[in-house]
Amino acid sequence: MSIAVYISEKKKERRKYKTENLKVGMTIATYISVRGDMKMRHILIATHGLLASGARSTMEFLIGNVDNVDYITAYVDGQKPINEQIEEYFAKIPQEDEVVIFTDIKGGSVNQKMIPYCVRENTFLVSGFNLAVLIEVTMTPEKLTNEFLKAKIEEAREQLCLVEIEKNTTEENDDDFLL
């Protein structure tokens, strides 16, 4: 299923709930609390440089309010050291809540610094993320499991592909492109 179709379906699903707090574009955190059968889900994007803040910004552009999505931009001038940023983040998260950490490089320094926090219950670490898996995990109402995340990661891998366009070797008129 394409991410555009998925977002459209989730928006329709959300409209079923007659709640003032639940509107198209609201975060999954609100959605989960309305359903009442799960704890709040927190998403942490942690990367080298500014990739994390850009990913969050793009998510907000595509799906609306993403208050449950935070980011850590590691090794950026003017930022606190990464260990401090991580400690501050986890200090504010209730122990029973779900946390999904997305990092940029498997085995990279940011990824390694997150590993000690994965002993916490309901905490998952995904490395090498793309926008498709970020949106899927953020918007899904299901309780997360390793199996569920592995399936979503596999679906997101399908989004990564070489788009090959047949190149015509004969000369064409520019107007023919629109035919």
C-alpha atoms as a PDB file:
ATOM      1  CA  MET A   1       0.000   0.000   0.000  1.00  0.00           C
ATOM      2  CA  SER A   2       1.393   3.412  -0.873  1.00  0.00           C
ATOM      3  CA  ILE A   3       1.927   5.947   1.886  1.00  0.00           C
ATOM      4  CA  ALA A   4      -0.568   8.345   0.242  1.00  0.00           C
ATOM      5  CA  VAL A   5      -3.287   5.680   0.291  1.00  0.00           C
ATOM      6  CA  TYR A   6      -2.392   4.793   3.883  1.00  0.00           C
ATOM      7  CA  ILE A   7      -2.669   8.428   5.040  1.00  0.00           C
ATOM      8  CA  SER A   8      -6.014   8.799   3.263  1.00  0.00           C
ATOM      9  CA  GLU A   9      -7.354   5.626   4.922  1.00  0.00           C
ATOM     10  CA  LYS A  10      -6.168   6.743   8.365  1.00  0.00           C
ATOM     11  CA  LYS A  11      -7.869  10.117   7.931  1.00  0.00           C
ATOM     12  CA  LYS A  12     -11.154   8.349   7.067  1.00  0.00           C
ATOM     13  CA  GLU A  13     -10.735   6.023  10.058  1.00  0.00           C
ATOM     14  CA  ARG A  14     -10.185   8.975  12.388  1.00  0.00           C
ATOM     15  CA  ARG A  15     -13.371  10.665  11.167  1.00  0.00           C
ATOM     16  CA  LYS A  16     -15.401   7.783  12.641  1.00  0.00           C
ATOM     17  CA  TYR A  17     -14.731   9.029  16.162  1.00  0.00           C
ATOM     18  CA  LYS A  18     -17.122  11.749  17.366  1.00  0.00           C
ATOM     19  CA  THR A  19     -14.688  13.620  19.567  1.00  0.00           C
ATOM     20  CA  GLU A  20     -13.827  17.308  19.663  1.00  0.00           C
ATOM     21  CA  ASN A  21     -10.162  16.548  20.259  1.00  0.00           C
ATOM     22  CA  LEU A  22      -9.842  14.203  17.300  1.00  0.00           C
ATOM     23  CA  LYS A  23      -9.581  15.869  13.910  1.00  0.00           C
ATOM     24  CA  VAL A  24      -7.812  15.028  10.696  1.00  0.00           C
ATOM     25  CA  GLY A  25      -4.148  15.749  11.240  1.00  0.00           C
ATOM     26  CA  MET A  26      -4.151  15.202  15.012  1.00  0.00           C
ATOM     27  CA  THR A  27      -1.344  13.093  16.384  1.00  0.00           C
ATOM     28  CA  ILE A  28      -1.542   9.406  17.067  1.00  0.00           C
ATOM     29  CA  ALA A  29      -0.999  10.248  20.738  1.00  0.00           C
ATOM     30  CA  THR A  30      -4.422  11.897  20.848  1.00  0.00           C
ATOM     31  CA  TYR A  31      -5.907   9.062  18.806  1.00  0.00           C
ATOM     32  CA  ILE A  32      -4.572   6.478  21.226  1.00  0.00           C
ATOM     33  CA  SER A  33      -5.822   8.337  24.287  1.00  0.00           C
ATOM     34  CA  VAL A  34      -9.308   8.634  22.733  1.00  0.00           C
ATOM     35  CA  ARG A  35      -9.387   4.900  22.115  1.00  0.00           C
ATOM     36  CA  GLY A  36      -8.265   4.366  25.692  1.00  0.00           C
ATOM     37  CA  ASP A  37      -6.794   0.921  25.125  1.00  0.00           C
ATOM     38  CA  MET A  38      -3.116   1.882  24.846  1.00  0.00           C
ATOM     39  CA  LYS A  39      -0.580   4.165  26.414  1.00  0.00           C
ATOM     40  CA  MET A  40       0.786   7.210  24.674  1.00  0.00           C
ATOM     41  CA  ARG A  41       3.261   6.655  21.854  1.00  0.00           C
ATOM     42  CA  HIS A  42       6.354   8.828  21.605  1.00  0.00           C
ATOM     43  CA  ILE A  43       8.525   8.992  18.515  1.00  0.00           C
ATOM     44  CA  LEU A  44      12.153  10.115  18.798  1.00  0.00           C
ATOM     45  CA  ILE A  45      14.165  10.801  15.645  1.00  0.00           C
ATOM     46  CA  ALA A  46      17.872  11.033  16.488  1.00  0.00           C
ATOM     47  CA  THR A  47      20.476  11.677  13.810  1.00  0.00           C
ATOM     48  CA  HIS A  48      23.852  13.154  13.057  1.00  0.00           C
ATOM     49  CA  GLY A  49      23.351  16.769  12.025  1.00  0.00           C
ATOM     50  CA  LEU A  50      19.994  18.218  11.058  1.00  0.00           C
ATOM     51  CA  LEU A  51      18.373  15.211   9.344  1.00  0.00           C
ATOM     52  CA  ALA A  52      16.136  14.573  12.370  1.00  0.00           C
ATOM     53  CA  SER A  53      14.665  18.077  12.450  1.00  0.00           C
ATOM     54  CA  GLY A  54      14.095  17.970   8.689  1.00  0.00           C
ATOM     55  CA  ALA A  55      12.315  14.612   8.926  1.00  0.00           C
ATOM     56  CA  ARG A  56      10.010  15.931  11.657  1.00  0.00           C
ATOM     57  CA  SER A  57       9.303  19.081   9.652  1.00  0.00           C
ATOM     58  CA  THR A  58       8.390  17.021   6.591  1.00  0.00           C
ATOM     59  CA  MET A  59       6.121  14.772   8.658  1.00  0.00           C
ATOM     60  CA  GLU A  60       4.303  17.804  10.014  1.00  0.00           C
ATOM     61  CA  PHE A  61       3.889  19.137   6.472  1.00  0.00           C
ATOM     62  CA  LEU A  62       2.414  15.815   5.256  1.00  0.00           C
ATOM     63  CA  ILE A  63       0.268  14.626   8.172  1.00  0.00           C
ATOM     64  CA  GLY A  64      -0.294  17.668  10.328  1.00  0.00           C
ATOM     65  CA  ASN A  65       0.310  18.037  14.043  1.00  0.00           C
ATOM     66  CA  VAL A  66       3.069  15.708  15.267  1.00  0.00           C
ATOM     67  CA  ASP A  67       3.383  16.766  18.893  1.00  0.00           C
ATOM     68  CA  ASN A  68       4.401  13.256  19.917  1.00  0.00           C
ATOM     69  CA  VAL A  69       7.415  13.347  17.579  1.00  0.00           C
ATOM     70  CA  ASP A  70      10.619  14.759  19.032  1.00  0.00           C
ATOM     71  CA  TYR A  71      14.101  14.888  17.589  1.00  0.00           C
ATOM     72  CA  ILE A  72      17.723  15.035  18.618  1.00  0.00           C
ATOM     73  CA  THR A  73      20.217  16.668  16.299  1.00  0.00           C
ATOM     74  CA  ALA A  74      23.582  15.302  17.406  1.00  0.00           C
ATOM     75  CA  TYR A  75      26.929  17.033  17.033  1.00  0.00           C
ATOM     76  CA  VAL A  76      25.411  20.340  15.911  1.00  0.00           C
ATOM     77  CA  ASP A  77      27.071  23.566  17.063  1.00  0.00           C
ATOM     78  CA  GLY A  78      25.080  25.264  19.815  1.00  0.00           C
ATOM     79  CA  GLN A  79      23.317  22.040  20.909  1.00  0.00           C
ATOM     80  CA  LYS A  80      23.824  20.283  24.224  1.00  0.00           C
ATOM     81  CA  PRO A  81      25.955  17.134  24.092  1.00  0.00           C
ATOM     82  CA  ILE A  82      23.983  14.156  22.797  1.00  0.00           C
ATOM     83  CA  ASN A  83      24.097  12.296  26.144  1.00  0.00           C
ATOM     84  CA  GLU A  84      22.411  15.261  27.862  1.00  0.00           C
ATOM     85  CA  GLN A  85      19.756  15.516  25.157  1.00  0.00           C
ATOM     86  CA  ILE A  86      18.945  11.812  25.491  1.00  0.00           C
ATOM     87  CA  GLU A  87      18.790  11.914  29.301  1.00  0.00           C
ATOM     88  CA  GLU A  88      16.478  14.948  29.233  1.00  0.00           C
ATOM     89  CA  TYR A  89      14.209  13.286  26.684  1.00  0.00           C
ATOM     90  CA  PHE A  90      13.754  10.050  28.623  1.00  0.00           C
ATOM     91  CA  ALA A  91      13.346  11.880  31.946  1.00  0.00           C
ATOM     92  CA  LYS A  92      10.058  13.364  30.700  1.00  0.00           C
ATOM     93  CA  ILE A  93       8.586  10.114  29.279  1.00  0.00           C
ATOM     94  CA  PRO A  94       6.370   8.044  31.616  1.00  0.00           C
ATOM     95  CA  GLN A  95       7.760   4.538  32.054  1.00  0.00           C
ATOM     96  CA  GLU A  96       4.583   2.833  30.762  1.00  0.00           C
ATOM     97  CA  ASP A  97       4.463   4.790  27.472  1.00  0.00           C
ATOM     98  CA  GLU A  98       5.685   3.430  24.148  1.00  0.00           C
ATOM     99  CA  VAL A  99       8.832   4.946  22.657  1.00  0.00           C
ATOM    100  CA  VAL A 100      10.072   4.320  19.139  1.00  0.00           C
ATOM    101  CA  ILE A 101      13.551   5.646  18.426  1.00  0.00           C
ATOM    102  CA  PHE A 102      14.590   6.157  14.812  1.00  0.00           C
ATOM    103  CA  THR A 103      18.295   6.678  14.079  1.00  0.00           C
ATOM    104  CA  ASP A 104      20.088   7.346  10.831  1.00  0.00           C
ATOM    105  CA  ILE A 105      22.952   4.811  10.752  1.00  0.00           C
ATOM    106  CA  LYS A 106      23.012   1.290  12.196  1.00  0.00           C
ATOM    107  CA  GLY A 107      26.065   1.049  14.412  1.00  0.00           C
ATOM    108  CA  GLY A 108      26.688   4.802  14.226  1.00  0.00           C
ATOM    109  CA  SER A 109      27.457   6.788  17.356  1.00  0.00           C
ATOM    110  CA  VAL A 110      23.888   8.094  17.711  1.00  0.00           C
ATOM    111  CA  ASN A 111      22.487   4.572  17.358  1.00  0.00           C
ATOM    112  CA  GLN A 112      24.965   3.227  19.919  1.00  0.00           C
ATOM    113  CA  LYS A 113      24.029   5.902  22.464  1.00  0.00           C
ATOM    114  CA  MET A 114      20.362   4.849  22.217  1.00  0.00           C
ATOM    115  CA  ILE A 115      20.969   1.148  22.905  1.00  0.00           C
ATOM    116  CA  PRO A 116      21.101   1.454  26.736  1.00  0.00           C
ATOM    117  CA  TYR A 117      17.596   2.972  26.696  1.00  0.00           C
ATOM    118  CA  CYS A 118      16.161  -0.017  24.842  1.00  0.00           C
ATOM    119  CA  VAL A 119      16.063  -2.115  28.014  1.00  0.00           C
ATOM    120  CA  ARG A 120      13.104   0.056  28.974  1.00  0.00           C
ATOM    121  CA  GLU A 121       9.773  -1.723  28.352  1.00  0.00           C
ATOM    122  CA  ASN A 122       7.815  -0.713  25.256  1.00  0.00           C
ATOM    123  CA  THR A 123      10.911   0.879  23.712  1.00  0.00           C
ATOM    124  CA  PHE A 124      11.982   0.058  20.168  1.00  0.00           C
ATOM    125  CA  LEU A 125      15.036   1.132  18.162  1.00  0.00           C
ATOM    126  CA  VAL A 126      14.903   1.359  14.349  1.00  0.00           C
ATOM    127  CA  SER A 127      17.996   2.342  12.400  1.00  0.00           C
ATOM    128  CA  GLY A 128      18.241   3.483   8.797  1.00  0.00           C
ATOM    129  CA  PHE A 129      14.729   4.976   8.708  1.00  0.00           C
ATOM    130  CA  ASN A 130      12.898   6.596   5.827  1.00  0.00           C
ATOM    131  CA  LEU A 131       9.880   8.886   5.782  1.00  0.00           C
ATOM    132  CA  ALA A 132       7.509   6.044   4.898  1.00  0.00           C
ATOM    133  CA  VAL A 133       8.254   4.055   8.056  1.00  0.00           C
ATOM    134  CA  LEU A 134       8.175   7.200  10.224  1.00  0.00           C
ATOM    135  CA  ILE A 135       4.676   8.032   9.040  1.00  0.00           C
ATOM    136  CA  GLU A 136       3.439   4.432   9.224  1.00  0.00           C
ATOM    137  CA  VAL A 137       4.573   3.983  12.823  1.00  0.00           C
ATOM    138  CA  THR A 138       3.420   7.439  13.916  1.00  0.00           C
ATOM    139  CA  MET A 139      -0.085   7.051  12.495  1.00  0.00           C
ATOM    140  CA  THR A 140      -0.872   3.445  13.305  1.00  0.00           C
ATOM    141  CA  PRO A 141      -3.169   2.898  16.276  1.00  0.00           C
ATOM    142  CA  GLU A 142      -2.043  -0.687  16.940  1.00  0.00           C
ATOM    143  CA  LYS A 143       0.100  -1.543  19.939  1.00  0.00           C
ATOM    144  CA  LEU A 144       3.625  -2.004  18.706  1.00  0.00           C
ATOM    145  CA  THR A 145       5.416  -5.331  18.678  1.00  0.00           C
ATOM    146  CA  ASN A 146       8.702  -6.441  17.154  1.00  0.00           C
ATOM    147  CA  GLU A 147       6.786  -8.362  14.478  1.00  0.00           C
ATOM    148  CA  PHE A 148       4.627  -5.368  13.595  1.00  0.00           C
ATOM    149  CA  LEU A 149       7.672  -3.094  13.293  1.00  0.00           C
ATOM    150  CA  LYS A 150       9.551  -5.629  11.166  1.00  0.00           C
ATOM    151  CA  ALA A 151       6.582  -5.747   8.778  1.00  0.00           C
ATOM    152  CA  LYS A 152       6.407  -1.937   8.577  1.00  0.00           C
ATOM    153  CA  ILE A 153      10.158  -1.740   7.963  1.00  0.00           C
ATOM    154  CA  GLU A 154       9.834  -4.252   5.132  1.00  0.00           C
ATOM    155  CA  GLU A 155       6.990  -2.215   3.604  1.00  0.00           C
ATOM    156  CA  ALA A 156       9.093   0.950   3.902  1.00  0.00           C
ATOM    157  CA  ARG A 157      11.981  -0.749   2.092  1.00  0.00           C
ATOM    158  CA  GLU A 158       9.701  -1.106  -0.918  1.00  0.00           C
ATOM    159  CA  GLN A 159       9.565   2.704  -1.071  1.00  0.00           C
ATOM    160  CA  LEU A 160      13.319   2.769  -1.681  1.00  0.00           C
ATOM    161  CA  CYS A 161      13.897   2.036  -5.353  1.00  0.00           C
ATOM    162  CA  LEU A 162      15.572   3.312  -8.460  1.00  0.00           C
ATOM    163  CA  VAL A 163      13.051   5.064 -10.674  1.00  0.00           C
ATOM    164  CA  GLU A 164      14.065   4.207 -14.188  1.00  0.00           C
ATOM    165  CA  ILE A 165      12.733   6.279 -17.036  1.00  0.00           C
ATOM    166  CA  GLU A 166      13.076   4.995 -20.546  1.00  0.00           C
ATOM    167  CA  LYS A 167      15.312   7.335 -22.434  1.00  0.00           C
ATOM    168  CA  ASN A 168      14.398   7.708 -26.083  1.00  0.00           C
ATOM    169  CA  THR A 169      17.430   7.977 -28.320  1.00  0.00           C
ATOM    170  CA  THR A 170      15.547   9.517 -31.236  1.00  0.00           C
ATOM    171  CA  GLU A 171      15.049  13.234 -31.493  1.00  0.00           C
ATOM    172  CA  GLU A 172      11.607  14.375 -30.433  1.00  0.00           C
ATOM    173  CA  ASN A 173       9.827  17.650 -30.433  1.00  0.00           C
ATOM    174  CA  ASP A 174       9.402  19.078 -26.916  1.00  0.00           C
ATOM    175  CA  ASP A 175       5.655  19.313 -27.570  1.00  0.00           C
ATOM    176  CA  ASP A 176       5.484  15.505 -27.978  1.00  0.00           C
ATOM    177  CA  PHE A 177       6.270  15.102 -24.279  1.00  0.00           C
ATOM    178  CA  LEU A 178       2.706  16.018 -23.350  1.00  0.00           C
ATOM    179  CA  LEU A 179       1.057  13.519 -25.698  1.00  0.00           C
END
